[in-house]
């Protein structure tokens, strides 16, 4: 475990996830694109991203923009750098966890995330960190997968697969009420659109997209 980040890159899972999202990312992106295009529209010239991974969201930044990438999985870094270069985006890569970005109070206009709040150790702490670094009127724009409604077959499957899914995907939980956490995080305004994917990764299919404003 890194003394700086508090994040341990597993010798098997870290490289596996980097390879998985490099291969499957474009497939996942086909399902998420119209939602991302809506919430990531008009991003400013400098954006902070939580869990940039291998760079799935670089396509939504204009060439010449700067991405401050909070990404503690070092196995992702080489692919992320290569993707930023292909998209003409300046990369400011921070090997840190989302709970402790190291950014100054009120220093950021926009923070984005996609498929990240499921994996962090403490999503409430991450949302508090987002509020801390955003300036007044700043936005947190997100696309995340969430728990299915209680009593549904999808929720039962999420629960049954909790341990192997979490182990494989770096602690990812399919049972988090992220919409509730976002609404209770103290933002001035939170707009959330729930939607559902129709793909083979059933525990991953319930999703939300939206914008929270300070």
C-alpha atoms as a PDB file:
ATOM      1  CA  UNK A   1       0.000   0.000   0.000  1.00  0.00           C
ATOM      2  CA  UNK A   2       1.307   3.426  -0.924  1.00  0.00           C
ATOM      3  CA  UNK A   3       2.066   5.595   2.092  1.00  0.00           C
ATOM      4  CA  UNK A   4       1.108   8.613  -0.009  1.00  0.00           C
ATOM      5  CA  UNK A   5      -2.226   7.455  -1.431  1.00  0.00           C
ATOM      6  CA  UNK A   6      -3.382   4.764   0.973  1.00  0.00           C
ATOM      7  CA  UNK A   7      -4.229   2.681  -2.114  1.00  0.00           C
ATOM      8  CA  UNK A   8      -2.776  -0.727  -2.819  1.00  0.00           C
ATOM      9  CA  UNK A   9      -2.460  -1.801  -6.449  1.00  0.00           C
ATOM     10  CA  UNK A  10      -3.053  -5.549  -6.444  1.00  0.00           C
ATOM     11  CA  UNK A  11      -0.514  -7.302  -8.664  1.00  0.00           C
ATOM     12  CA  UNK A  12      -3.281  -9.147 -10.543  1.00  0.00           C
ATOM     13  CA  UNK A  13      -6.377  -6.950 -10.235  1.00  0.00           C
ATOM     14  CA  UNK A  14      -4.657  -3.675 -11.079  1.00  0.00           C
ATOM     15  CA  UNK A  15      -3.342  -4.790 -14.480  1.00  0.00           C
ATOM     16  CA  UNK A  16      -6.520  -6.822 -15.131  1.00  0.00           C
ATOM     17  CA  UNK A  17      -8.748  -3.775 -14.650  1.00  0.00           C
ATOM     18  CA  UNK A  18      -6.515  -1.637 -16.850  1.00  0.00           C
ATOM     19  CA  UNK A  19      -6.705  -4.263 -19.604  1.00  0.00           C
ATOM     20  CA  UNK A  20     -10.440  -4.900 -19.079  1.00  0.00           C
ATOM     21  CA  UNK A  21     -11.414  -1.257 -19.429  1.00  0.00           C
ATOM     22  CA  UNK A  22      -9.113  -0.778 -22.396  1.00  0.00           C
ATOM     23  CA  UNK A  23     -10.890  -3.625 -24.205  1.00  0.00           C
ATOM     24  CA  UNK A  24     -14.445  -3.273 -22.875  1.00  0.00           C
ATOM     25  CA  UNK A  25     -14.457   0.505 -22.429  1.00  0.00           C
ATOM     26  CA  UNK A  26     -15.610   1.231 -25.992  1.00  0.00           C
ATOM     27  CA  UNK A  27     -18.469  -1.281 -25.579  1.00  0.00           C
ATOM     28  CA  UNK A  28     -19.574   0.271 -22.286  1.00  0.00           C
ATOM     29  CA  UNK A  29     -19.232   3.729 -23.833  1.00  0.00           C
ATOM     30  CA  UNK A  30     -21.793   2.904 -26.534  1.00  0.00           C
ATOM     31  CA  UNK A  31     -24.430   2.486 -23.806  1.00  0.00           C
ATOM     32  CA  UNK A  32     -23.377   5.501 -21.754  1.00  0.00           C
ATOM     33  CA  UNK A  33     -22.501   8.001 -24.475  1.00  0.00           C
ATOM     34  CA  UNK A  34     -25.796   9.895 -24.780  1.00  0.00           C
ATOM     35  CA  UNK A  35     -25.955  10.336 -21.002  1.00  0.00           C
ATOM     36  CA  UNK A  36     -22.340  11.478 -20.830  1.00  0.00           C
ATOM     37  CA  UNK A  37     -22.837  13.851 -23.751  1.00  0.00           C
ATOM     38  CA  UNK A  38     -25.634  15.502 -21.799  1.00  0.00           C
ATOM     39  CA  UNK A  39     -23.958  15.902 -18.394  1.00  0.00           C
ATOM     40  CA  UNK A  40     -20.442  16.524 -19.753  1.00  0.00           C
ATOM     41  CA  UNK A  41     -21.576  19.078 -22.345  1.00  0.00           C
ATOM     42  CA  UNK A  42     -19.602  22.326 -22.420  1.00  0.00           C
ATOM     43  CA  UNK A  43     -16.824  21.276 -20.065  1.00  0.00           C
ATOM     44  CA  UNK A  44     -14.400  24.113 -19.250  1.00  0.00           C
ATOM     45  CA  UNK A  45     -10.748  24.216 -20.238  1.00  0.00           C
ATOM     46  CA  UNK A  46      -9.650  22.665 -16.920  1.00  0.00           C
ATOM     47  CA  UNK A  47     -11.472  19.694 -15.414  1.00  0.00           C
ATOM     48  CA  UNK A  48     -10.781  17.510 -12.387  1.00  0.00           C
ATOM     49  CA  UNK A  49     -11.735  13.871 -12.840  1.00  0.00           C
ATOM     50  CA  UNK A  50     -12.036  11.300 -10.088  1.00  0.00           C
ATOM     51  CA  UNK A  51     -10.783   7.901 -11.211  1.00  0.00           C
ATOM     52  CA  UNK A  52      -9.773   8.715 -14.768  1.00  0.00           C
ATOM     53  CA  UNK A  53      -8.830   5.090 -15.423  1.00  0.00           C
ATOM     54  CA  UNK A  54      -7.555   4.565 -18.947  1.00  0.00           C
ATOM     55  CA  UNK A  55      -9.140   7.789 -20.240  1.00  0.00           C
ATOM     56  CA  UNK A  56     -12.716   6.919 -21.253  1.00  0.00           C
ATOM     57  CA  UNK A  57     -13.888  10.513 -20.735  1.00  0.00           C
ATOM     58  CA  UNK A  58     -11.109  12.325 -22.559  1.00  0.00           C
ATOM     59  CA  UNK A  59     -13.331  12.416 -25.665  1.00  0.00           C
ATOM     60  CA  UNK A  60     -15.598  14.910 -23.867  1.00  0.00           C
ATOM     61  CA  UNK A  61     -12.804  17.453 -23.342  1.00  0.00           C
ATOM     62  CA  UNK A  62     -11.794  19.887 -26.043  1.00  0.00           C
ATOM     63  CA  UNK A  63      -8.267  19.528 -27.490  1.00  0.00           C
ATOM     64  CA  UNK A  64      -5.956  21.832 -25.576  1.00  0.00           C
ATOM     65  CA  UNK A  65      -7.871  21.348 -22.330  1.00  0.00           C
ATOM     66  CA  UNK A  66      -6.242  20.259 -19.080  1.00  0.00           C
ATOM     67  CA  UNK A  67      -7.386  17.179 -17.185  1.00  0.00           C
ATOM     68  CA  UNK A  68      -6.386  16.944 -13.537  1.00  0.00           C
ATOM     69  CA  UNK A  69      -6.688  13.183 -13.182  1.00  0.00           C
ATOM     70  CA  UNK A  70      -7.067  11.695  -9.705  1.00  0.00           C
ATOM     71  CA  UNK A  71      -6.081   8.079 -10.362  1.00  0.00           C
ATOM     72  CA  UNK A  72      -4.384   5.896  -7.720  1.00  0.00           C
ATOM     73  CA  UNK A  73      -4.175   2.715  -9.810  1.00  0.00           C
ATOM     74  CA  UNK A  74      -0.718   2.991 -11.340  1.00  0.00           C
ATOM     75  CA  UNK A  75      -1.533   0.156 -13.741  1.00  0.00           C
ATOM     76  CA  UNK A  76      -3.854   2.595 -15.546  1.00  0.00           C
ATOM     77  CA  UNK A  77      -1.312   5.389 -15.917  1.00  0.00           C
ATOM     78  CA  UNK A  78       0.486   4.406 -19.135  1.00  0.00           C
ATOM     79  CA  UNK A  79      -2.784   3.935 -21.034  1.00  0.00           C
ATOM     80  CA  UNK A  80      -4.175   7.166 -19.585  1.00  0.00           C
ATOM     81  CA  UNK A  81      -1.125   9.145 -20.698  1.00  0.00           C
ATOM     82  CA  UNK A  82      -1.286   7.642 -24.193  1.00  0.00           C
ATOM     83  CA  UNK A  83      -4.998   8.424 -24.490  1.00  0.00           C
ATOM     84  CA  UNK A  84      -4.494  12.026 -23.350  1.00  0.00           C
ATOM     85  CA  UNK A  85      -1.815  12.473 -25.995  1.00  0.00           C
ATOM     86  CA  UNK A  86      -4.117  11.073 -28.699  1.00  0.00           C
ATOM     87  CA  UNK A  87      -6.898  13.460 -27.690  1.00  0.00           C
ATOM     88  CA  UNK A  88      -4.626  16.489 -27.441  1.00  0.00           C
ATOM     89  CA  UNK A  89      -5.409  16.987 -23.753  1.00  0.00           C
ATOM     90  CA  UNK A  90      -2.792  18.143 -21.239  1.00  0.00           C
ATOM     91  CA  UNK A  91      -2.675  15.604 -18.423  1.00  0.00           C
ATOM     92  CA  UNK A  92      -1.943  16.574 -14.828  1.00  0.00           C
ATOM     93  CA  UNK A  93      -1.866  13.120 -13.252  1.00  0.00           C
ATOM     94  CA  UNK A  94      -2.246  12.878  -9.482  1.00  0.00           C
ATOM     95  CA  UNK A  95      -1.508   9.500  -7.859  1.00  0.00           C
ATOM     96  CA  UNK A  96      -4.047  10.028  -5.086  1.00  0.00           C
ATOM     97  CA  UNK A  97      -7.377   8.698  -3.844  1.00  0.00           C
ATOM     98  CA  UNK A  98     -10.609  10.637  -4.336  1.00  0.00           C
ATOM     99  CA  UNK A  99     -11.075  11.149  -0.597  1.00  0.00           C
ATOM    100  CA  UNK A 100      -7.822  13.167  -0.479  1.00  0.00           C
ATOM    101  CA  UNK A 101      -7.212  14.967  -3.756  1.00  0.00           C
ATOM    102  CA  UNK A 102      -4.671  17.411  -2.342  1.00  0.00           C
ATOM    103  CA  UNK A 103      -6.373  20.283  -4.190  1.00  0.00           C
ATOM    104  CA  UNK A 104      -6.929  23.632  -2.491  1.00  0.00           C
ATOM    105  CA  UNK A 105     -10.278  24.723  -1.047  1.00  0.00           C
ATOM    106  CA  UNK A 106     -12.556  26.343  -3.620  1.00  0.00           C
ATOM    107  CA  UNK A 107      -9.994  25.990  -6.395  1.00  0.00           C
ATOM    108  CA  UNK A 108     -11.984  24.004  -8.968  1.00  0.00           C
ATOM    109  CA  UNK A 109     -14.852  24.862 -11.296  1.00  0.00           C
ATOM    110  CA  UNK A 110     -15.800  21.371 -12.477  1.00  0.00           C
ATOM    111  CA  UNK A 111     -15.309  17.837 -11.195  1.00  0.00           C
ATOM    112  CA  UNK A 112     -16.462  14.795 -13.170  1.00  0.00           C
ATOM    113  CA  UNK A 113     -16.717  11.082 -12.492  1.00  0.00           C
ATOM    114  CA  UNK A 114     -18.076   7.985 -14.181  1.00  0.00           C
ATOM    115  CA  UNK A 115     -18.284   4.505 -12.699  1.00  0.00           C
ATOM    116  CA  UNK A 116     -16.035   5.559  -9.814  1.00  0.00           C
ATOM    117  CA  UNK A 117     -18.143   6.199  -6.691  1.00  0.00           C
ATOM    118  CA  UNK A 118     -18.917   2.484  -6.626  1.00  0.00           C
ATOM    119  CA  UNK A 119     -15.255   1.682  -5.951  1.00  0.00           C
ATOM    120  CA  UNK A 120     -14.130   4.306  -3.433  1.00  0.00           C
ATOM    121  CA  UNK A 121     -13.845   3.268   0.197  1.00  0.00           C
ATOM    122  CA  UNK A 122     -15.968   6.126   1.536  1.00  0.00           C
ATOM    123  CA  UNK A 123     -18.296   7.761  -1.017  1.00  0.00           C
ATOM    124  CA  UNK A 124     -19.628  10.265   1.537  1.00  0.00           C
ATOM    125  CA  UNK A 125     -16.064  11.432   2.197  1.00  0.00           C
ATOM    126  CA  UNK A 126     -15.457  11.725  -1.542  1.00  0.00           C
ATOM    127  CA  UNK A 127     -18.538  13.922  -1.979  1.00  0.00           C
ATOM    128  CA  UNK A 128     -17.391  16.076   0.947  1.00  0.00           C
ATOM    129  CA  UNK A 129     -14.010  16.420  -0.771  1.00  0.00           C
ATOM    130  CA  UNK A 130     -15.715  17.414  -4.022  1.00  0.00           C
ATOM    131  CA  UNK A 131     -17.680  20.125  -2.210  1.00  0.00           C
ATOM    132  CA  UNK A 132     -14.488  21.338  -0.505  1.00  0.00           C
ATOM    133  CA  UNK A 133     -12.524  21.823  -3.718  1.00  0.00           C
ATOM    134  CA  UNK A 134     -15.370  23.286  -5.804  1.00  0.00           C
ATOM    135  CA  UNK A 135     -15.741  27.046  -5.873  1.00  0.00           C
ATOM    136  CA  UNK A 136     -19.215  28.591  -5.381  1.00  0.00           C
ATOM    137  CA  UNK A 137     -21.355  27.781  -8.406  1.00  0.00           C
ATOM    138  CA  UNK A 138     -19.055  24.919  -9.404  1.00  0.00           C
ATOM    139  CA  UNK A 139     -20.432  21.641 -10.713  1.00  0.00           C
ATOM    140  CA  UNK A 140     -19.923  17.960 -10.052  1.00  0.00           C
ATOM    141  CA  UNK A 141     -21.032  16.002 -13.107  1.00  0.00           C
ATOM    142  CA  UNK A 142     -21.455  12.250 -12.787  1.00  0.00           C
ATOM    143  CA  UNK A 143     -22.564   9.023 -14.435  1.00  0.00           C
ATOM    144  CA  UNK A 144     -22.568   6.177 -11.924  1.00  0.00           C
ATOM    145  CA  UNK A 145     -24.080   2.742 -11.418  1.00  0.00           C
ATOM    146  CA  UNK A 146     -26.245   2.168  -8.349  1.00  0.00           C
ATOM    147  CA  UNK A 147     -28.263  -0.346  -6.367  1.00  0.00           C
ATOM    148  CA  UNK A 148     -31.377  -1.717  -8.022  1.00  0.00           C
ATOM    149  CA  UNK A 149     -34.678  -1.254  -6.140  1.00  0.00           C
ATOM    150  CA  UNK A 150     -35.090  -3.558  -3.146  1.00  0.00           C
ATOM    151  CA  UNK A 151     -36.940  -6.770  -3.860  1.00  0.00           C
ATOM    152  CA  UNK A 152     -36.094  -6.884  -7.568  1.00  0.00           C
ATOM    153  CA  UNK A 153     -34.276  -9.772  -9.286  1.00  0.00           C
ATOM    154  CA  UNK A 154     -31.453  -7.390 -10.209  1.00  0.00           C
ATOM    155  CA  UNK A 155     -30.950  -6.422  -6.566  1.00  0.00           C
ATOM    156  CA  UNK A 156     -30.884 -10.100  -5.585  1.00  0.00           C
ATOM    157  CA  UNK A 157     -28.226 -10.737  -8.220  1.00  0.00           C
ATOM    158  CA  UNK A 158     -26.213  -7.725  -7.036  1.00  0.00           C
ATOM    159  CA  UNK A 159     -26.253  -9.151  -3.534  1.00  0.00           C
ATOM    160  CA  UNK A 160     -25.366 -12.681  -4.648  1.00  0.00           C
ATOM    161  CA  UNK A 161     -22.380 -11.452  -6.650  1.00  0.00           C
ATOM    162  CA  UNK A 162     -21.242  -8.879  -4.084  1.00  0.00           C
ATOM    163  CA  UNK A 163     -17.998 -10.593  -3.032  1.00  0.00           C
ATOM    164  CA  UNK A 164     -16.632 -11.858  -6.376  1.00  0.00           C
ATOM    165  CA  UNK A 165     -17.688  -8.656  -8.167  1.00  0.00           C
ATOM    166  CA  UNK A 166     -16.052  -6.472  -5.530  1.00  0.00           C
ATOM    167  CA  UNK A 167     -12.844  -8.523  -5.512  1.00  0.00           C
ATOM    168  CA  UNK A 168     -12.534  -8.483  -9.306  1.00  0.00           C
ATOM    169  CA  UNK A 169     -13.292  -4.795  -9.821  1.00  0.00           C
ATOM    170  CA  UNK A 170     -11.158  -3.155  -7.123  1.00  0.00           C
ATOM    171  CA  UNK A 171     -13.814  -3.028  -4.389  1.00  0.00           C
ATOM    172  CA  UNK A 172     -16.697  -2.062  -6.679  1.00  0.00           C
ATOM    173  CA  UNK A 173     -20.077  -2.252  -4.940  1.00  0.00           C
ATOM    174  CA  UNK A 174     -23.310  -2.578  -6.905  1.00  0.00           C
ATOM    175  CA  UNK A 175     -25.429  -1.894  -3.826  1.00  0.00           C
ATOM    176  CA  UNK A 176     -24.740   1.750  -3.064  1.00  0.00           C
ATOM    177  CA  UNK A 177     -27.531   4.323  -2.854  1.00  0.00           C
ATOM    178  CA  UNK A 178     -25.451   6.994  -4.536  1.00  0.00           C
ATOM    179  CA  UNK A 179     -28.480   9.112  -5.412  1.00  0.00           C
ATOM    180  CA  UNK A 180     -29.347   9.338  -1.711  1.00  0.00           C
ATOM    181  CA  UNK A 181     -25.752  10.170  -0.807  1.00  0.00           C
ATOM    182  CA  UNK A 182     -25.619  12.904  -3.450  1.00  0.00           C
ATOM    183  CA  UNK A 183     -28.873  14.463  -2.261  1.00  0.00           C
ATOM    184  CA  UNK A 184     -27.648  14.425   1.319  1.00  0.00           C
ATOM    185  CA  UNK A 185     -24.140  15.719   0.642  1.00  0.00           C
ATOM    186  CA  UNK A 186     -24.931  19.414   1.113  1.00  0.00           C
ATOM    187  CA  UNK A 187     -24.858  20.614  -2.485  1.00  0.00           C
ATOM    188  CA  UNK A 188     -27.007  23.652  -3.289  1.00  0.00           C
ATOM    189  CA  UNK A 189     -28.716  21.788  -6.125  1.00  0.00           C
ATOM    190  CA  UNK A 190     -28.691  18.171  -7.306  1.00  0.00           C
ATOM    191  CA  UNK A 191     -30.353  17.002 -10.516  1.00  0.00           C
ATOM    192  CA  UNK A 192     -30.371  13.241 -11.083  1.00  0.00           C
ATOM    193  CA  UNK A 193     -31.732  11.155 -13.953  1.00  0.00           C
ATOM    194  CA  UNK A 194     -32.040   7.409 -13.284  1.00  0.00           C
ATOM    195  CA  UNK A 195     -31.736   5.095 -16.273  1.00  0.00           C
ATOM    196  CA  UNK A 196     -31.040   1.466 -17.020  1.00  0.00           C
ATOM    197  CA  UNK A 197     -28.642  -0.199 -19.398  1.00  0.00           C
ATOM    198  CA  UNK A 198     -29.678  -3.325 -21.253  1.00  0.00           C
ATOM    199  CA  UNK A 199     -26.457  -5.282 -21.383  1.00  0.00           C
ATOM    200  CA  UNK A 200     -24.941  -8.537 -20.193  1.00  0.00           C
ATOM    201  CA  UNK A 201     -23.435  -7.052 -17.001  1.00  0.00           C
ATOM    202  CA  UNK A 202     -26.772  -7.126 -15.175  1.00  0.00           C
ATOM    203  CA  UNK A 203     -25.552  -5.973 -11.704  1.00  0.00           C
ATOM    204  CA  UNK A 204     -24.116  -2.897 -13.446  1.00  0.00           C
ATOM    205  CA  UNK A 205     -27.268  -1.959 -15.380  1.00  0.00           C
ATOM    206  CA  UNK A 206     -29.044   0.444 -12.930  1.00  0.00           C
ATOM    207  CA  UNK A 207     -27.442   3.866 -13.469  1.00  0.00           C
ATOM    208  CA  UNK A 208     -27.796   7.535 -12.629  1.00  0.00           C
ATOM    209  CA  UNK A 209     -26.542  10.636 -14.450  1.00  0.00           C
ATOM    210  CA  UNK A 210     -26.683  14.202 -13.287  1.00  0.00           C
ATOM    211  CA  UNK A 211     -25.159  17.407 -12.012  1.00  0.00           C
ATOM    212  CA  UNK A 212     -24.648  18.675  -8.460  1.00  0.00           C
ATOM    213  CA  UNK A 213     -23.953  22.378  -7.941  1.00  0.00           C
ATOM    214  CA  UNK A 214     -22.355  24.167  -5.007  1.00  0.00           C
END
